[in-house]
Amino acid sequence: MKRLNYVIPIMIIVFILALRILNNNYPELSNQTNGLIALGGSILSGAISFFMFRKEQE
């Protein structure tokens, strides 16, 4: 469960930063599209970080 302590904050940070960048650089996109793009990026970054962190030693 230690991996999730890193994965969830990474996903939240990626989501917030992606929304901010999309809103600043692409104002012609709708908020729904921005949210979906940011959500996809955060899920992808969460999956990558989940598998990149080492497994816990017992």
PDB file of N, CA and C in Angstrom:
ATOM      1  N   MET A   1       0.804  -1.200   0.000  1.00  0.00           N
ATOM      2  CA  MET A   1       0.000   0.000   0.000  1.00  0.00           C
ATOM      3  C   MET A   1       0.850   1.268   0.000  1.00  0.00           C
ATOM      4  N   LYS A   2       2.158   1.120   0.214  1.00  0.00           N
ATOM      5  CA  LYS A   2       3.004   2.309   0.212  1.00  0.00           C
ATOM      6  C   LYS A   2       3.063   2.940  -1.168  1.00  0.00           C
ATOM      7  N   ARG A   3       2.929   2.119  -2.195  1.00  0.00           N
ATOM      8  CA  ARG A   3       2.988   2.676  -3.550  1.00  0.00           C
ATOM      9  C   ARG A   3       1.846   3.647  -3.794  1.00  0.00           C
ATOM     10  N   LEU A   4       0.691   3.355  -3.235  1.00  0.00           N
ATOM     11  CA  LEU A   4      -0.455   4.235  -3.439  1.00  0.00           C
ATOM     12  C   LEU A   4      -0.255   5.587  -2.762  1.00  0.00           C
ATOM     13  N   ASN A   5       0.585   5.639  -1.737  1.00  0.00           N
ATOM     14  CA  ASN A   5       0.879   6.917  -1.100  1.00  0.00           C
ATOM     15  C   ASN A   5       1.605   7.856  -2.050  1.00  0.00           C
ATOM     16  N   TYR A   6       2.288   7.321  -3.043  1.00  0.00           N
ATOM     17  CA  TYR A   6       2.966   8.133  -4.051  1.00  0.00           C
ATOM     18  C   TYR A   6       2.120   8.310  -5.304  1.00  0.00           C
ATOM     19  N   VAL A   7       1.376   7.299  -5.660  1.00  0.00           N
ATOM     20  CA  VAL A   7       0.626   7.309  -6.922  1.00  0.00           C
ATOM     21  C   VAL A   7      -0.506   8.332  -6.901  1.00  0.00           C
ATOM     22  N   ILE A   8      -1.276   8.355  -5.844  1.00  0.00           N
ATOM     23  CA  ILE A   8      -2.435   9.242  -5.785  1.00  0.00           C
ATOM     24  C   ILE A   8      -2.036  10.724  -5.823  1.00  0.00           C
ATOM     25  N   PRO A   9      -1.034  11.166  -5.042  1.00  0.00           N
ATOM     26  CA  PRO A   9      -0.629  12.571  -5.178  1.00  0.00           C
ATOM     27  C   PRO A   9      -0.073  12.915  -6.560  1.00  0.00           C
ATOM     28  N   ILE A  10       0.626  11.987  -7.188  1.00  0.00           N
ATOM     29  CA  ILE A  10       1.128  12.216  -8.546  1.00  0.00           C
ATOM     30  C   ILE A  10      -0.037  12.419  -9.505  1.00  0.00           C
ATOM     31  N   MET A  11      -1.070  11.597  -9.381  1.00  0.00           N
ATOM     32  CA  MET A  11      -2.234  11.728 -10.244  1.00  0.00           C
ATOM     33  C   MET A  11      -2.938  13.071 -10.044  1.00  0.00           C
ATOM     34  N   ILE A  12      -3.046  13.498  -8.797  1.00  0.00           N
ATOM     35  CA  ILE A  12      -3.714  14.773  -8.512  1.00  0.00           C
ATOM     36  C   ILE A  12      -2.912  15.937  -9.070  1.00  0.00           C
ATOM     37  N   ILE A  13      -1.591  15.908  -8.888  1.00  0.00           N
ATOM     38  CA  ILE A  13      -0.733  16.980  -9.399  1.00  0.00           C
ATOM     39  C   ILE A  13      -0.795  17.041 -10.916  1.00  0.00           C
ATOM     40  N   VAL A  14      -0.743  15.895 -11.576  1.00  0.00           N
ATOM     41  CA  VAL A  14      -0.808  15.867 -13.036  1.00  0.00           C
ATOM     42  C   VAL A  14      -2.150  16.397 -13.520  1.00  0.00           C
ATOM     43  N   PHE A  15      -3.229  16.023 -12.854  1.00  0.00           N
ATOM     44  CA  PHE A  15      -4.560  16.493 -13.250  1.00  0.00           C
ATOM     45  C   PHE A  15      -4.664  18.012 -13.149  1.00  0.00           C
ATOM     46  N   ILE A  16      -4.211  18.569 -12.032  1.00  0.00           N
ATOM     47  CA  ILE A  16      -4.293  20.022 -11.827  1.00  0.00           C
ATOM     48  C   ILE A  16      -3.427  20.764 -12.834  1.00  0.00           C
ATOM     49  N   LEU A  17      -2.193  20.298 -13.021  1.00  0.00           N
ATOM     50  CA  LEU A  17      -1.297  20.969 -13.968  1.00  0.00           C
ATOM     51  C   LEU A  17      -1.809  20.858 -15.404  1.00  0.00           C
ATOM     52  N   ALA A  18      -2.351  19.702 -15.767  1.00  0.00           N
ATOM     53  CA  ALA A  18      -2.866  19.531 -17.125  1.00  0.00           C
ATOM     54  C   ALA A  18      -4.058  20.457 -17.370  1.00  0.00           C
ATOM     55  N   LEU A  19      -4.957  20.572 -16.402  1.00  0.00           N
ATOM     56  CA  LEU A  19      -6.092  21.487 -16.556  1.00  0.00           C
ATOM     57  C   LEU A  19      -5.623  22.930 -16.702  1.00  0.00           C
ATOM     58  N   ARG A  20      -4.647  23.302 -15.907  1.00  0.00           N
ATOM     59  CA  ARG A  20      -4.145  24.677 -15.959  1.00  0.00           C
ATOM     60  C   ARG A  20      -3.485  24.978 -17.302  1.00  0.00           C
ATOM     61  N   ILE A  21      -2.666  24.060 -17.783  1.00  0.00           N
ATOM     62  CA  ILE A  21      -1.991  24.267 -19.068  1.00  0.00           C
ATOM     63  C   ILE A  21      -3.002  24.295 -20.208  1.00  0.00           C
ATOM     64  N   LEU A  22      -3.964  23.386 -20.188  1.00  0.00           N
ATOM     65  CA  LEU A  22      -4.973  23.358 -21.246  1.00  0.00           C
ATOM     66  C   LEU A  22      -5.823  24.617 -21.244  1.00  0.00           C
ATOM     67  N   ASN A  23      -6.192  25.109 -20.075  1.00  0.00           N
ATOM     68  CA  ASN A  23      -7.009  26.329 -20.013  1.00  0.00           C
ATOM     69  C   ASN A  23      -6.235  27.555 -20.488  1.00  0.00           C
ATOM     70  N   ASN A  24      -4.947  27.602 -20.201  1.00  0.00           N
ATOM     71  CA  ASN A  24      -4.150  28.762 -20.604  1.00  0.00           C
ATOM     72  C   ASN A  24      -3.789  28.738 -22.088  1.00  0.00           C
ATOM     73  N   ASN A  25      -3.431  27.576 -22.610  1.00  0.00           N
ATOM     74  CA  ASN A  25      -2.921  27.495 -23.979  1.00  0.00           C
ATOM     75  C   ASN A  25      -3.977  27.182 -25.026  1.00  0.00           C
ATOM     76  N   TYR A  26      -5.073  26.577 -24.635  1.00  0.00           N
ATOM     77  CA  TYR A  26      -6.113  26.187 -25.585  1.00  0.00           C
ATOM     78  C   TYR A  26      -7.484  26.637 -25.087  1.00  0.00           C
ATOM     79  N   PRO A  27      -7.752  27.932 -25.087  1.00  0.00           N
ATOM     80  CA  PRO A  27      -9.046  28.407 -24.568  1.00  0.00           C
ATOM     81  C   PRO A  27     -10.229  28.035 -25.465  1.00  0.00           C
ATOM     82  N   GLU A  28      -9.963  27.632 -26.699  1.00  0.00           N
ATOM     83  CA  GLU A  28     -11.075  27.286 -27.596  1.00  0.00           C
ATOM     84  C   GLU A  28     -11.679  25.919 -27.282  1.00  0.00           C
ATOM     85  N   LEU A  29     -10.988  25.095 -26.482  1.00  0.00           N
ATOM     86  CA  LEU A  29     -11.529  23.796 -26.095  1.00  0.00           C
ATOM     87  C   LEU A  29     -12.551  23.973 -24.977  1.00  0.00           C
ATOM     88  N   SER A  30     -13.554  23.107 -24.973  1.00  0.00           N
ATOM     89  CA  SER A  30     -14.569  23.187 -23.917  1.00  0.00           C
ATOM     90  C   SER A  30     -14.006  22.629 -22.608  1.00  0.00           C
ATOM     91  N   ASN A  31     -14.675  22.960 -21.511  1.00  0.00           N
ATOM     92  CA  ASN A  31     -14.226  22.486 -20.203  1.00  0.00           C
ATOM     93  C   ASN A  31     -14.329  20.965 -20.093  1.00  0.00           C
ATOM     94  N   GLN A  32     -15.331  20.391 -20.748  1.00  0.00           N
ATOM     95  CA  GLN A  32     -15.491  18.939 -20.711  1.00  0.00           C
ATOM     96  C   GLN A  32     -14.323  18.252 -21.412  1.00  0.00           C
ATOM     97  N   THR A  33     -13.907  18.785 -22.546  1.00  0.00           N
ATOM     98  CA  THR A  33     -12.774  18.215 -23.274  1.00  0.00           C
ATOM     99  C   THR A  33     -11.499  18.362 -22.460  1.00  0.00           C
ATOM    100  N   ASN A  34     -11.300  19.530 -21.854  1.00  0.00           N
ATOM    101  CA  ASN A  34     -10.132  19.726 -21.005  1.00  0.00           C
ATOM    102  C   ASN A  34     -10.112  18.726 -19.853  1.00  0.00           C
ATOM    103  N   GLY A  35     -11.256  18.519 -19.241  1.00  0.00           N
ATOM    104  CA  GLY A  35     -11.337  17.571 -18.135  1.00  0.00           C
ATOM    105  C   GLY A  35     -11.037  16.151 -18.554  1.00  0.00           C
ATOM    106  N   LEU A  36     -11.540  15.765 -19.714  1.00  0.00           N
ATOM    107  CA  LEU A  36     -11.282  14.401 -20.187  1.00  0.00           C
ATOM    108  C   LEU A  36      -9.813  14.185 -20.537  1.00  0.00           C
ATOM    109  N   ILE A  37      -9.201  15.170 -21.155  1.00  0.00           N
ATOM    110  CA  ILE A  37      -7.778  15.063 -21.492  1.00  0.00           C
ATOM    111  C   ILE A  37      -6.941  14.996 -20.215  1.00  0.00           C
ATOM    112  N   ALA A  38      -7.244  15.855 -19.250  1.00  0.00           N
ATOM    113  CA  ALA A  38      -6.509  15.862 -17.987  1.00  0.00           C
ATOM    114  C   ALA A  38      -6.719  14.563 -17.213  1.00  0.00           C
ATOM    115  N   LEU A  39      -7.945  14.048 -17.237  1.00  0.00           N
ATOM    116  CA  LEU A  39      -8.231  12.787 -16.550  1.00  0.00           C
ATOM    117  C   LEU A  39      -7.458  11.632 -17.179  1.00  0.00           C
ATOM    118  N   GLY A  40      -7.429  11.589 -18.498  1.00  0.00           N
ATOM    119  CA  GLY A  40      -6.662  10.544 -19.178  1.00  0.00           C
ATOM    120  C   GLY A  40      -5.184  10.622 -18.860  1.00  0.00           C
ATOM    121  N   GLY A  41      -4.649  11.832 -18.827  1.00  0.00           N
ATOM    122  CA  GLY A  41      -3.241  12.003 -18.489  1.00  0.00           C
ATOM    123  C   GLY A  41      -2.933  11.597 -17.061  1.00  0.00           C
ATOM    124  N   SER A  42      -3.830  11.913 -16.144  1.00  0.00           N
ATOM    125  CA  SER A  42      -3.580  11.556 -14.751  1.00  0.00           C
ATOM    126  C   SER A  42      -3.690  10.050 -14.538  1.00  0.00           C
ATOM    127  N   ILE A  43      -4.620   9.398 -15.217  1.00  0.00           N
ATOM    128  CA  ILE A  43      -4.727   7.938 -15.097  1.00  0.00           C
ATOM    129  C   ILE A  43      -3.495   7.259 -15.692  1.00  0.00           C
ATOM    130  N   LEU A  44      -3.041   7.750 -16.828  1.00  0.00           N
ATOM    131  CA  LEU A  44      -1.850   7.180 -17.449  1.00  0.00           C
ATOM    132  C   LEU A  44      -0.624   7.385 -16.562  1.00  0.00           C
ATOM    133  N   SER A  45      -0.451   8.568 -16.010  1.00  0.00           N
ATOM    134  CA  SER A  45       0.698   8.813 -15.144  1.00  0.00           C
ATOM    135  C   SER A  45       0.610   7.993 -13.861  1.00  0.00           C
ATOM    136  N   GLY A  46      -0.597   7.797 -13.348  1.00  0.00           N
ATOM    137  CA  GLY A  46      -0.767   6.957 -12.165  1.00  0.00           C
ATOM    138  C   GLY A  46      -0.419   5.507 -12.439  1.00  0.00           C
ATOM    139  N   ALA A  47      -0.827   4.996 -13.598  1.00  0.00           N
ATOM    140  CA  ALA A  47      -0.502   3.609 -13.945  1.00  0.00           C
ATOM    141  C   ALA A  47       1.000   3.429 -14.139  1.00  0.00           C
ATOM    142  N   ILE A  48       1.630   4.388 -14.801  1.00  0.00           N
ATOM    143  CA  ILE A  48       3.079   4.295 -15.013  1.00  0.00           C
ATOM    144  C   ILE A  48       3.823   4.354 -13.684  1.00  0.00           C
ATOM    145  N   SER A  49       3.448   5.290 -12.821  1.00  0.00           N
ATOM    146  CA  SER A  49       4.142   5.410 -11.543  1.00  0.00           C
ATOM    147  C   SER A  49       3.864   4.198 -10.648  1.00  0.00           C
ATOM    148  N   PHE A  50       2.682   3.600 -10.744  1.00  0.00           N
ATOM    149  CA  PHE A  50       2.378   2.412  -9.936  1.00  0.00           C
ATOM    150  C   PHE A  50       3.312   1.268 -10.285  1.00  0.00           C
ATOM    151  N   PHE A  51       3.571   1.068 -11.577  1.00  0.00           N
ATOM    152  CA  PHE A  51       4.434  -0.033 -11.973  1.00  0.00           C
ATOM    153  C   PHE A  51       5.916   0.302 -11.880  1.00  0.00           C
ATOM    154  N   MET A  52       6.255   1.580 -11.887  1.00  0.00           N
ATOM    155  CA  MET A  52       7.668   1.954 -11.790  1.00  0.00           C
ATOM    156  C   MET A  52       8.224   1.876 -10.382  1.00  0.00           C
ATOM    157  N   PHE A  53       7.374   2.107  -9.376  1.00  0.00           N
ATOM    158  CA  PHE A  53       7.854   1.996  -7.994  1.00  0.00           C
ATOM    159  C   PHE A  53       8.076   0.529  -7.662  1.00  0.00           C
ATOM    160  N   ARG A  54       9.079   0.281  -6.855  1.00  0.00           N
ATOM    161  CA  ARG A  54       9.409  -1.089  -6.494  1.00  0.00           C
ATOM    162  C   ARG A  54       8.327  -1.684  -5.611  1.00  0.00           C
ATOM    163  N   LYS A  55       8.226  -2.999  -5.681  1.00  0.00           N
ATOM    164  CA  LYS A  55       7.283  -3.686  -4.827  1.00  0.00           C
ATOM    165  C   LYS A  55       7.800  -3.658  -3.385  1.00  0.00           C
ATOM    166  N   GLU A  56       6.864  -3.769  -2.459  1.00  0.00           N
ATOM    167  CA  GLU A  56       7.215  -3.704  -1.053  1.00  0.00           C
ATOM    168  C   GLU A  56       7.899  -4.985  -0.608  1.00  0.00           C
ATOM    169  N   GLN A  57       8.908  -4.832   0.231  1.00  0.00           N
ATOM    170  CA  GLN A  57       9.586  -5.981   0.818  1.00  0.00           C
ATOM    171  C   GLN A  57       8.792  -6.422   2.050  1.00  0.00           C
ATOM    172  N   GLU A  58       8.643  -7.723   2.196  1.00  0.00           N
ATOM    173  CA  GLU A  58       7.884  -8.206   3.366  1.00  0.00           C
ATOM    174  C   GLU A  58       8.802  -8.499   4.516  1.00  0.00           C
TER     175      GLU A  58
END
